[in-house]
C-alpha atoms as a PDB file:
ATOM      1  CA  MET A   1      41.790   7.079 -28.938  1.00  0.00           C
ATOM      2  CA  THR A   2      42.577   8.150 -25.395  1.00  0.00           C
ATOM      3  CA  SER A   3      40.354  10.474 -23.395  1.00  0.00           C
ATOM      4  CA  THR A   4      43.094  13.125 -23.621  1.00  0.00           C
ATOM      5  CA  GLN A   5      43.200  12.864 -27.408  1.00  0.00           C
ATOM      6  CA  ARG A   6      39.409  13.088 -27.602  1.00  0.00           C
ATOM      7  CA  THR A   7      39.381  16.178 -25.411  1.00  0.00           C
ATOM      8  CA  ARG A   8      42.133  17.851 -27.449  1.00  0.00           C
ATOM      9  CA  TYR A   9      40.441  17.003 -30.764  1.00  0.00           C
ATOM     10  CA  LEU A  10      37.020  18.277 -29.695  1.00  0.00           C
ATOM     11  CA  ALA A  11      38.569  21.410 -28.191  1.00  0.00           C
ATOM     12  CA  LEU A  12      40.177  22.208 -31.544  1.00  0.00           C
ATOM     13  CA  LEU A  13      36.759  21.776 -33.152  1.00  0.00           C
ATOM     14  CA  GLY A  14      35.079  23.906 -30.510  1.00  0.00           C
ATOM     15  CA  LEU A  15      32.610  21.136 -29.739  1.00  0.00           C
ATOM     16  CA  GLY A  16      31.665  18.866 -26.884  1.00  0.00           C
ATOM     17  CA  PRO A  17      30.818  15.147 -27.070  1.00  0.00           C
ATOM     18  CA  ALA A  18      27.283  14.324 -28.214  1.00  0.00           C
ATOM     19  CA  PRO A  19      25.387  11.113 -29.010  1.00  0.00           C
ATOM     20  CA  PRO A  20      25.600  10.054 -32.675  1.00  0.00           C
ATOM     21  CA  SER A  21      22.993  11.710 -34.881  1.00  0.00           C
ATOM     22  CA  LEU A  22      22.865  13.392 -38.269  1.00  0.00           C
ATOM     23  CA  PRO A  23      22.760  16.904 -36.768  1.00  0.00           C
ATOM     24  CA  ALA A  24      25.707  16.094 -34.499  1.00  0.00           C
ATOM     25  CA  LEU A  25      27.616  14.613 -37.437  1.00  0.00           C
ATOM     26  CA  THR A  26      26.952  17.749 -39.494  1.00  0.00           C
ATOM     27  CA  ARG A  27      28.359  19.883 -36.682  1.00  0.00           C
ATOM     28  CA  LEU A  28      31.476  17.721 -36.539  1.00  0.00           C
ATOM     29  CA  VAL A  29      32.043  17.804 -40.300  1.00  0.00           C
ATOM     30  CA  THR A  30      31.440  21.552 -40.582  1.00  0.00           C
ATOM     31  CA  ALA A  31      33.786  22.283 -37.705  1.00  0.00           C
ATOM     32  CA  HIS A  32      36.454  19.989 -39.144  1.00  0.00           C
ATOM     33  CA  LEU A  33      36.438  21.719 -42.518  1.00  0.00           C
ATOM     34  CA  ALA A  34      36.685  25.119 -40.865  1.00  0.00           C
ATOM     35  CA  ARG A  35      39.399  24.186 -38.354  1.00  0.00           C
ATOM     36  CA  PHE A  36      41.713  21.929 -40.368  1.00  0.00           C
ATOM     37  CA  PRO A  37      42.678  23.310 -43.786  1.00  0.00           C
ATOM     38  CA  PHE A  38      43.331  20.986 -46.657  1.00  0.00           C
ATOM     39  CA  GLU A  39      47.020  21.659 -47.205  1.00  0.00           C
ATOM     40  CA  ASN A  40      50.232  20.104 -48.457  1.00  0.00           C
ATOM     41  CA  VAL A  41      52.440  22.454 -46.431  1.00  0.00           C
ATOM     42  CA  THR A  42      53.165  19.741 -43.864  1.00  0.00           C
ATOM     43  CA  LYS A  43      53.873  17.213 -46.628  1.00  0.00           C
ATOM     44  CA  LEU A  44      56.409  19.555 -48.256  1.00  0.00           C
ATOM     45  CA  VAL A  45      58.136  20.209 -44.938  1.00  0.00           C
ATOM     46  CA  ARG A  46      58.184  16.510 -44.040  1.00  0.00           C
ATOM     47  CA  ALA A  47      59.747  15.627 -47.409  1.00  0.00           C
ATOM     48  CA  ALA A  48      62.324  18.412 -47.116  1.00  0.00           C
ATOM     49  CA  ARG A  49      63.381  17.155 -43.684  1.00  0.00           C
ATOM     50  CA  GLY A  50      64.058  13.722 -45.109  1.00  0.00           C
ATOM     51  CA  LEU A  51      61.458  12.051 -42.921  1.00  0.00           C
ATOM     52  CA  PRO A  52      59.980   8.731 -44.083  1.00  0.00           C
ATOM     53  CA  PRO A  53      57.093   9.101 -46.577  1.00  0.00           C
ATOM     54  CA  GLY A  54      54.294   8.388 -44.150  1.00  0.00           C
ATOM     55  CA  LEU A  55      51.591  10.034 -42.088  1.00  0.00           C
ATOM     56  CA  PRO A  56      51.969  11.890 -38.806  1.00  0.00           C
ATOM     57  CA  THR A  57      50.467  10.204 -35.785  1.00  0.00           C
ATOM     58  CA  LEU A  58      47.177  11.407 -34.319  1.00  0.00           C
ATOM     59  CA  ASP A  59      49.087  13.167 -31.542  1.00  0.00           C
ATOM     60  CA  GLU A  60      51.299  14.911 -34.111  1.00  0.00           C
ATOM     61  CA  PHE A  61      48.252  15.911 -36.155  1.00  0.00           C
ATOM     62  CA  LEU A  62      46.612  17.507 -33.117  1.00  0.00           C
ATOM     63  CA  GLN A  63      49.826  19.108 -31.885  1.00  0.00           C
ATOM     64  CA  ASP A  64      50.677  20.579 -35.297  1.00  0.00           C
ATOM     65  CA  ALA A  65      47.154  21.950 -35.669  1.00  0.00           C
ATOM     66  CA  ALA A  66      47.250  23.616 -32.255  1.00  0.00           C
ATOM     67  CA  ARG A  67      50.754  25.024 -32.697  1.00  0.00           C
ATOM     68  CA  ASP A  68      50.957  25.744 -36.424  1.00  0.00           C
ATOM     69  CA  GLY A  69      47.345  25.888 -37.667  1.00  0.00           C
ATOM     70  CA  THR A  70      47.901  23.028 -40.100  1.00  0.00           C
ATOM     71  CA  GLY A  71      45.610  20.234 -41.305  1.00  0.00           C
ATOM     72  CA  GLY A  72      46.712  17.877 -44.054  1.00  0.00           C
ATOM     73  CA  THR A  73      45.624  16.034 -47.159  1.00  0.00           C
ATOM     74  CA  CYS A  74      43.048  13.275 -47.472  1.00  0.00           C
ATOM     75  CA  TYR A  75      44.825  10.287 -45.919  1.00  0.00           C
ATOM     76  CA  LEU A  76      45.709  12.137 -42.741  1.00  0.00           C
ATOM     77  CA  GLN A  77      42.455  14.030 -42.273  1.00  0.00           C
ATOM     78  CA  ALA A  78      40.178  11.112 -43.132  1.00  0.00           C
ATOM     79  CA  SER A  79      42.028   8.653 -40.901  1.00  0.00           C
ATOM     80  CA  CYS A  80      42.206  10.997 -37.894  1.00  0.00           C
ATOM     81  CA  PHE A  81      38.539  11.926 -38.285  1.00  0.00           C
ATOM     82  CA  ASN A  82      37.679   8.232 -38.502  1.00  0.00           C
ATOM     83  CA  THR A  83      39.361   7.677 -35.143  1.00  0.00           C
ATOM     84  CA  LEU A  84      37.311  10.483 -33.591  1.00  0.00           C
ATOM     85  CA  LEU A  85      34.041   9.318 -35.132  1.00  0.00           C
ATOM     86  CA  ARG A  86      34.475   5.769 -33.885  1.00  0.00           C
ATOM     87  CA  ASP A  87      35.430   7.018 -30.438  1.00  0.00           C
ATOM     88  CA  LEU A  88      32.214   9.071 -30.347  1.00  0.00           C
ATOM     89  CA  GLY A  89      30.149   5.998 -31.177  1.00  0.00           C
ATOM     90  CA  TYR A  90      29.666   6.343 -34.929  1.00  0.00           C
ATOM     91  CA  GLY A  91      29.769   3.304 -37.179  1.00  0.00           C
ATOM     92  CA  ALA A  92      32.528   4.730 -39.349  1.00  0.00           C
ATOM     93  CA  THR A  93      34.811   2.830 -41.714  1.00  0.00           C
ATOM     94  CA  LEU A  94      37.532   3.986 -44.067  1.00  0.00           C
ATOM     95  CA  ALA A  95      36.977   3.473 -47.792  1.00  0.00           C
ATOM     96  CA  GLY A  96      39.174   3.928 -50.825  1.00  0.00           C
ATOM     97  CA  ALA A  97      38.291   6.078 -53.801  1.00  0.00           C
ATOM     98  CA  ASP A  98      39.730   5.963 -57.308  1.00  0.00           C
ATOM     99  CA  MET A  99      40.721   8.935 -59.421  1.00  0.00           C
ATOM    100  CA  THR A 100      43.123   8.402 -62.307  1.00  0.00           C
ATOM    101  CA  GLN A 101      44.706   5.714 -60.124  1.00  0.00           C
ATOM    102  CA  PRO A 102      43.106   3.373 -57.590  1.00  0.00           C
ATOM    103  CA  ASP A 103      43.001   4.288 -53.905  1.00  0.00           C
ATOM    104  CA  VAL A 104      44.466   7.771 -54.331  1.00  0.00           C
ATOM    105  CA  HIS A 105      41.744   9.226 -52.116  1.00  0.00           C
ATOM    106  CA  LEU A 106      40.427   8.223 -48.701  1.00  0.00           C
ATOM    107  CA  VAL A 107      36.940   8.850 -47.309  1.00  0.00           C
ATOM    108  CA  ASN A 108      34.732   7.733 -44.446  1.00  0.00           C
ATOM    109  CA  ILE A 109      31.534   5.750 -44.765  1.00  0.00           C
ATOM    110  CA  VAL A 110      29.263   6.257 -41.762  1.00  0.00           C
ATOM    111  CA  THR A 111      26.298   3.984 -41.127  1.00  0.00           C
ATOM    112  CA  LEU A 112      23.627   5.994 -39.352  1.00  0.00           C
ATOM    113  CA  GLU A 113      19.868   5.561 -39.135  1.00  0.00           C
ATOM    114  CA  GLY A 114      20.309   2.343 -41.105  1.00  0.00           C
ATOM    115  CA  ARG A 115      21.783   4.151 -44.119  1.00  0.00           C
ATOM    116  CA  PRO A 116      25.318   4.563 -45.529  1.00  0.00           C
ATOM    117  CA  TRP A 117      26.638   8.123 -45.656  1.00  0.00           C
ATOM    118  CA  LEU A 118      29.690   9.544 -47.398  1.00  0.00           C
ATOM    119  CA  VAL A 119      31.760  11.769 -45.106  1.00  0.00           C
ATOM    120  CA  ASP A 120      34.673  13.456 -46.862  1.00  0.00           C
ATOM    121  CA  VAL A 121      36.767  16.028 -44.990  1.00  0.00           C
ATOM    122  CA  GLY A 122      39.827  15.564 -47.209  1.00  0.00           C
ATOM    123  CA  TYR A 123      38.803  16.528 -50.747  1.00  0.00           C
ATOM    124  CA  ALA A 124      39.180  20.304 -50.364  1.00  0.00           C
ATOM    125  CA  ALA A 125      35.449  20.547 -51.073  1.00  0.00           C
ATOM    126  CA  PRO A 126      32.613  22.206 -49.105  1.00  0.00           C
ATOM    127  CA  PHE A 127      30.974  18.958 -48.009  1.00  0.00           C
ATOM    128  CA  PHE A 128      29.535  20.284 -44.747  1.00  0.00           C
ATOM    129  CA  ALA A 129      27.214  17.331 -44.251  1.00  0.00           C
ATOM    130  CA  ALA A 130      27.184  13.598 -44.825  1.00  0.00           C
ATOM    131  CA  LEU A 131      25.911  12.601 -48.268  1.00  0.00           C
ATOM    132  CA  PRO A 132      23.571   9.590 -48.557  1.00  0.00           C
ATOM    133  CA  LEU A 133      25.116   6.859 -50.678  1.00  0.00           C
ATOM    134  CA  ASP A 134      21.769   5.130 -51.153  1.00  0.00           C
ATOM    135  CA  ALA A 135      20.071   8.121 -52.821  1.00  0.00           C
ATOM    136  CA  ARG A 136      18.204   7.243 -56.012  1.00  0.00           C
ATOM    137  CA  GLU A 137      18.714  10.650 -57.620  1.00  0.00           C
ATOM    138  CA  PRO A 138      21.884  12.714 -58.078  1.00  0.00           C
ATOM    139  CA  ILE A 139      22.772  15.008 -55.194  1.00  0.00           C
ATOM    140  CA  ALA A 140      23.981  18.462 -56.226  1.00  0.00           C
ATOM    141  CA  LEU A 141      26.117  20.871 -54.195  1.00  0.00           C
ATOM    142  CA  ASP A 142      27.030  24.292 -55.582  1.00  0.00           C
ATOM    143  CA  ARG A 143      29.363  27.027 -54.384  1.00  0.00           C
ATOM    144  CA  GLY A 144      30.336  29.841 -56.729  1.00  0.00           C
ATOM    145  CA  ARG A 145      32.025  28.448 -59.836  1.00  0.00           C
ATOM    146  CA  GLU A 146      32.343  25.013 -58.230  1.00  0.00           C
ATOM    147  CA  SER A 147      29.694  22.309 -58.313  1.00  0.00           C
ATOM    148  CA  TYR A 148      29.667  18.736 -57.088  1.00  0.00           C
ATOM    149  CA  ARG A 149      27.403  15.901 -58.177  1.00  0.00           C
ATOM    150  CA  LEU A 150      27.101  12.609 -56.307  1.00  0.00           C
ATOM    151  CA  GLN A 151      25.552  10.057 -58.643  1.00  0.00           C
ATOM    152  CA  PRO A 152      23.424   7.104 -57.466  1.00  0.00           C
ATOM    153  CA  ALA A 153      25.467   4.009 -56.727  1.00  0.00           C
ATOM    154  CA  ASP A 154      26.073   1.617 -59.591  1.00  0.00           C
ATOM    155  CA  PRO A 155      23.772  -1.347 -58.803  1.00  0.00           C
ATOM    156  CA  ALA A 156      26.285  -3.797 -60.256  1.00  0.00           C
ATOM    157  CA  THR A 157      29.294  -2.688 -58.190  1.00  0.00           C
ATOM    158  CA  GLY A 158      27.878  -0.609 -55.352  1.00  0.00           C
ATOM    159  CA  HIS A 159      30.372   2.114 -56.267  1.00  0.00           C
ATOM    160  CA  SER A 160      29.343   5.780 -56.287  1.00  0.00           C
ATOM    161  CA  ARG A 161      30.714   8.484 -58.570  1.00  0.00           C
ATOM    162  CA  LEU A 162      31.306  12.036 -57.394  1.00  0.00           C
ATOM    163  CA  ASP A 163      32.003  14.624 -60.092  1.00  0.00           C
ATOM    164  CA  HIS A 164      33.586  18.018 -59.496  1.00  0.00           C
ATOM    165  CA  LEU A 165      32.524  20.654 -62.015  1.00  0.00           C
ATOM    166  CA  ARG A 166      33.818  24.164 -62.617  1.00  0.00           C
ATOM    167  CA  ASP A 167      31.656  26.517 -64.664  1.00  0.00           C
ATOM    168  CA  GLY A 168      29.543  23.503 -65.617  1.00  0.00           C
ATOM    169  CA  ASP A 169      32.393  21.326 -66.921  1.00  0.00           C
ATOM    170  CA  VAL A 170      33.666  18.217 -65.159  1.00  0.00           C
ATOM    171  CA  VAL A 171      37.254  18.867 -64.066  1.00  0.00           C
ATOM    172  CA  HIS A 172      37.834  16.189 -61.452  1.00  0.00           C
ATOM    173  CA  GLY A 173      36.109  13.604 -59.312  1.00  0.00           C
ATOM    174  CA  TYR A 174      36.393  10.179 -57.787  1.00  0.00           C
ATOM    175  CA  THR A 175      34.666   6.825 -57.475  1.00  0.00           C
ATOM    176  CA  VAL A 176      33.889   5.610 -53.963  1.00  0.00           C
ATOM    177  CA  LYS A 177      34.374   1.918 -53.234  1.00  0.00           C
ATOM    178  CA  PRO A 178      32.452   1.402 -49.959  1.00  0.00           C
ATOM    179  CA  ALA A 179      34.172  -1.811 -48.833  1.00  0.00           C
ATOM    180  CA  PRO A 180      35.740  -1.282 -45.365  1.00  0.00           C
ATOM    181  CA  ARG A 181      39.503  -0.777 -45.497  1.00  0.00           C
ATOM    182  CA  ARG A 182      42.376  -0.437 -43.040  1.00  0.00           C
ATOM    183  CA  LEU A 183      44.712   2.532 -43.158  1.00  0.00           C
ATOM    184  CA  LYS A 184      47.792   0.356 -43.624  1.00  0.00           C
ATOM    185  CA  GLU A 185      46.355  -0.819 -46.955  1.00  0.00           C
ATOM    186  CA  PHE A 186      47.054   2.685 -48.299  1.00  0.00           C
ATOM    187  CA  ALA A 187      50.741   2.733 -47.343  1.00  0.00           C
ATOM    188  CA  ALA A 188      51.868   2.418 -50.955  1.00  0.00           C
ATOM    189  CA  ALA A 189      49.543   5.209 -52.098  1.00  0.00           C
ATOM    190  CA  VAL A 190      50.797   7.452 -49.287  1.00  0.00           C
ATOM    191  CA  ALA A 191      54.402   6.724 -50.256  1.00  0.00           C
ATOM    192  CA  ASP A 192      53.597   7.531 -53.894  1.00  0.00           C
ATOM    193  CA  SER A 193      52.331  10.955 -52.840  1.00  0.00           C
ATOM    194  CA  PHE A 194      55.898  11.794 -51.771  1.00  0.00           C
ATOM    195  CA  ARG A 195      57.491  10.746 -55.061  1.00  0.00           C
ATOM    196  CA  PRO A 196      59.439  13.534 -56.847  1.00  0.00           C
ATOM    197  CA  GLU A 197      56.853  13.720 -59.628  1.00  0.00           C
ATOM    198  CA  SER A 198      53.845  13.933 -57.289  1.00  0.00           C
ATOM    199  CA  SER A 199      51.864  17.153 -57.619  1.00  0.00           C
ATOM    200  CA  PHE A 200      51.783  17.537 -53.833  1.00  0.00           C
ATOM    201  CA  VAL A 201      55.556  18.030 -53.634  1.00  0.00           C
ATOM    202  CA  ASN A 202      55.699  20.341 -56.646  1.00  0.00           C
ATOM    203  CA  ARG A 203      53.159  23.013 -55.788  1.00  0.00           C
ATOM    204  CA  LEU A 204      51.556  24.815 -52.873  1.00  0.00           C
ATOM    205  CA  ARG A 205      47.921  23.965 -52.221  1.00  0.00           C
ATOM    206  CA  VAL A 206      45.788  25.216 -49.319  1.00  0.00           C
ATOM    207  CA  VAL A 207      41.981  25.276 -49.034  1.00  0.00           C
ATOM    208  CA  ARG A 208      39.578  26.166 -46.253  1.00  0.00           C
ATOM    209  CA  HIS A 209      35.776  26.090 -46.282  1.00  0.00           C
ATOM    210  CA  THR A 210      33.395  27.649 -43.805  1.00  0.00           C
ATOM    211  CA  PRO A 211      29.645  28.032 -44.270  1.00  0.00           C
ATOM    212  CA  GLU A 212      30.240  31.715 -45.098  1.00  0.00           C
ATOM    213  CA  ARG A 213      33.161  31.542 -47.536  1.00  0.00           C
ATOM    214  CA  SER A 214      35.725  29.402 -49.287  1.00  0.00           C
ATOM    215  CA  VAL A 215      39.370  30.266 -49.917  1.00  0.00           C
ATOM    216  CA  SER A 216      41.480  28.196 -52.294  1.00  0.00           C
ATOM    217  CA  LEU A 217      45.176  28.742 -52.976  1.00  0.00           C
ATOM    218  CA  ARG A 218      47.195  27.256 -55.822  1.00  0.00           C
ATOM    219  CA  ASP A 219      50.747  28.563 -55.641  1.00  0.00           C
ATOM    220  CA  PHE A 220      50.401  32.352 -56.068  1.00  0.00           C
ATOM    221  CA  THR A 221      46.752  32.360 -57.164  1.00  0.00           C
ATOM    222  CA  ALA A 222      43.940  32.567 -54.626  1.00  0.00           C
ATOM    223  CA  GLU A 223      40.230  32.186 -55.291  1.00  0.00           C
ATOM    224  CA  ILE A 224      37.756  33.510 -52.746  1.00  0.00           C
ATOM    225  CA  THR A 225      34.051  32.680 -52.832  1.00  0.00           C
ATOM    226  CA  ALA A 226      31.444  34.205 -50.528  1.00  0.00           C
ATOM    227  CA  GLY A 227      27.844  33.548 -51.464  1.00  0.00           C
ATOM    228  CA  ALA A 228      27.417  34.354 -55.158  1.00  0.00           C
ATOM    229  CA  ALA A 229      30.528  36.568 -55.200  1.00  0.00           C
ATOM    230  CA  HIS A 230      33.777  35.155 -56.529  1.00  0.00           C
ATOM    231  CA  ARG A 231      37.123  36.828 -57.042  1.00  0.00           C
ATOM    232  CA  THR A 232      40.634  35.791 -58.007  1.00  0.00           C
ATOM    233  CA  VAL A 233      43.661  37.315 -56.312  1.00  0.00           C
ATOM    234  CA  GLU A 234      47.185  37.102 -57.748  1.00  0.00           C
ATOM    235  CA  LEU A 235      49.727  37.249 -54.948  1.00  0.00           C
ATOM    236  CA  ALA A 236      52.821  39.269 -55.817  1.00  0.00           C
ATOM    237  CA  GLY A 237      55.844  37.590 -54.321  1.00  0.00           C
ATOM    238  CA  ARG A 238      56.841  35.396 -51.410  1.00  0.00           C
ATOM    239  CA  GLU A 239      56.165  37.833 -48.560  1.00  0.00           C
ATOM    240  CA  THR A 240      52.667  38.568 -49.853  1.00  0.00           C
ATOM    241  CA  LEU A 241      52.046  34.842 -50.107  1.00  0.00           C
ATOM    242  CA  LEU A 242      53.266  34.162 -46.567  1.00  0.00           C
ATOM    243  CA  ALA A 243      51.087  36.926 -45.149  1.00  0.00           C
ATOM    244  CA  PHE A 244      48.035  35.724 -47.098  1.00  0.00           C
ATOM    245  CA  VAL A 245      48.360  32.131 -45.898  1.00  0.00           C
ATOM    246  CA  GLU A 246      48.820  33.237 -42.314  1.00  0.00           C
ATOM    247  CA  ASP A 247      45.884  35.663 -42.438  1.00  0.00           C
ATOM    248  CA  GLU A 248      43.423  33.515 -44.400  1.00  0.00           C
ATOM    249  CA  PHE A 249      44.280  30.019 -43.190  1.00  0.00           C
ATOM    250  CA  GLY A 250      45.916  30.629 -39.829  1.00  0.00           C
ATOM    251  CA  ILE A 251      48.995  28.590 -40.723  1.00  0.00           C
ATOM    252  CA  ARG A 252      52.102  29.833 -38.948  1.00  0.00           C
ATOM    253  CA  ARG A 253      54.328  31.855 -41.275  1.00  0.00           C
ATOM    254  CA  ALA A 254      57.527  29.966 -40.431  1.00  0.00           C
ATOM    255  CA  VAL A 255      55.950  26.657 -41.484  1.00  0.00           C
ATOM    256  CA  VAL A 256      54.744  28.081 -44.801  1.00  0.00           C
ATOM    257  CA  ALA A 257      58.176  29.632 -45.365  1.00  0.00           C
ATOM    258  CA  ALA A 258      59.775  26.213 -44.880  1.00  0.00           C
ATOM    259  CA  ALA A 259      57.375  24.747 -47.447  1.00  0.00           C
ATOM    260  CA  CYS A 260      58.236  27.541 -49.906  1.00  0.00           C
ATOM    261  CA  ASP A 261      61.938  26.853 -49.331  1.00  0.00           C
ATOM    262  CA  ALA A 262      61.330  23.204 -50.137  1.00  0.00           C
ATOM    263  CA  LEU A 263      59.603  24.147 -53.399  1.00  0.00           C
ATOM    264  CA  ALA A 264      62.382  26.589 -54.289  1.00  0.00           C
ATOM    265  CA  ALA A 265      64.962  23.864 -53.736  1.00  0.00           C
ATOM    266  CA  ARG A 266      63.065  21.795 -56.310  1.00  0.00           C
ATOM    267  CA  GLY A 267      63.194  24.651 -58.801  1.00  0.00           C
ATOM    268  CA  HIS A 268      59.667  26.013 -58.254  1.00  0.00           C
END
């Protein structure tokens, strides 16, 4: 990472450089979740333009965020954040995580104070702090209808299971494999995410978390959580959707419109 890239990245986060520490890491993670939405808008637009099925560069990620208010999905956000963390002096490595298929999620493992910590800014979840992977008891995080449970690592494999629950039922999750990986090892998984049958090119998905509230959009349905209050909003039509995404997520309307055009061209 160049000094210019570091300055641009930290400016987007509204932070200055600080020595590695758990409080400083929490500030970085919290700011990242608030500033860079989890979104597949950029993926839809990239696919529609016929660009190769790959990731934007770090410069493109920062430029798009500053100009369009975009973020990305897990591979892009985790890899860019990894570059920043290492530049700031953190012992951060990329790690793969399995869902229904291997390596379909990417996270960071940060070694700090002699302990391994899970840092995940790309799961569309309110993980505002690093989660200790060496904990002996489950770690629970709750927000409205959504709950997350990080289980103690399997002593035989060293893998850790994170479950996502809604209204008390497990609906998703992943298994972290902490072995250090290189981004290029995920090229096939990234390419698969652009395949015609991939969910990320067949629906609109945008999520942003701040300490005060969470907003989650799936196509024309938005869920908003603030404290114990939760409400669902059905968006009536394209123009309402475009205005909502611009107002709630800060993503430039023209970019969202291009993503909607891409979905319409696919019959959605």
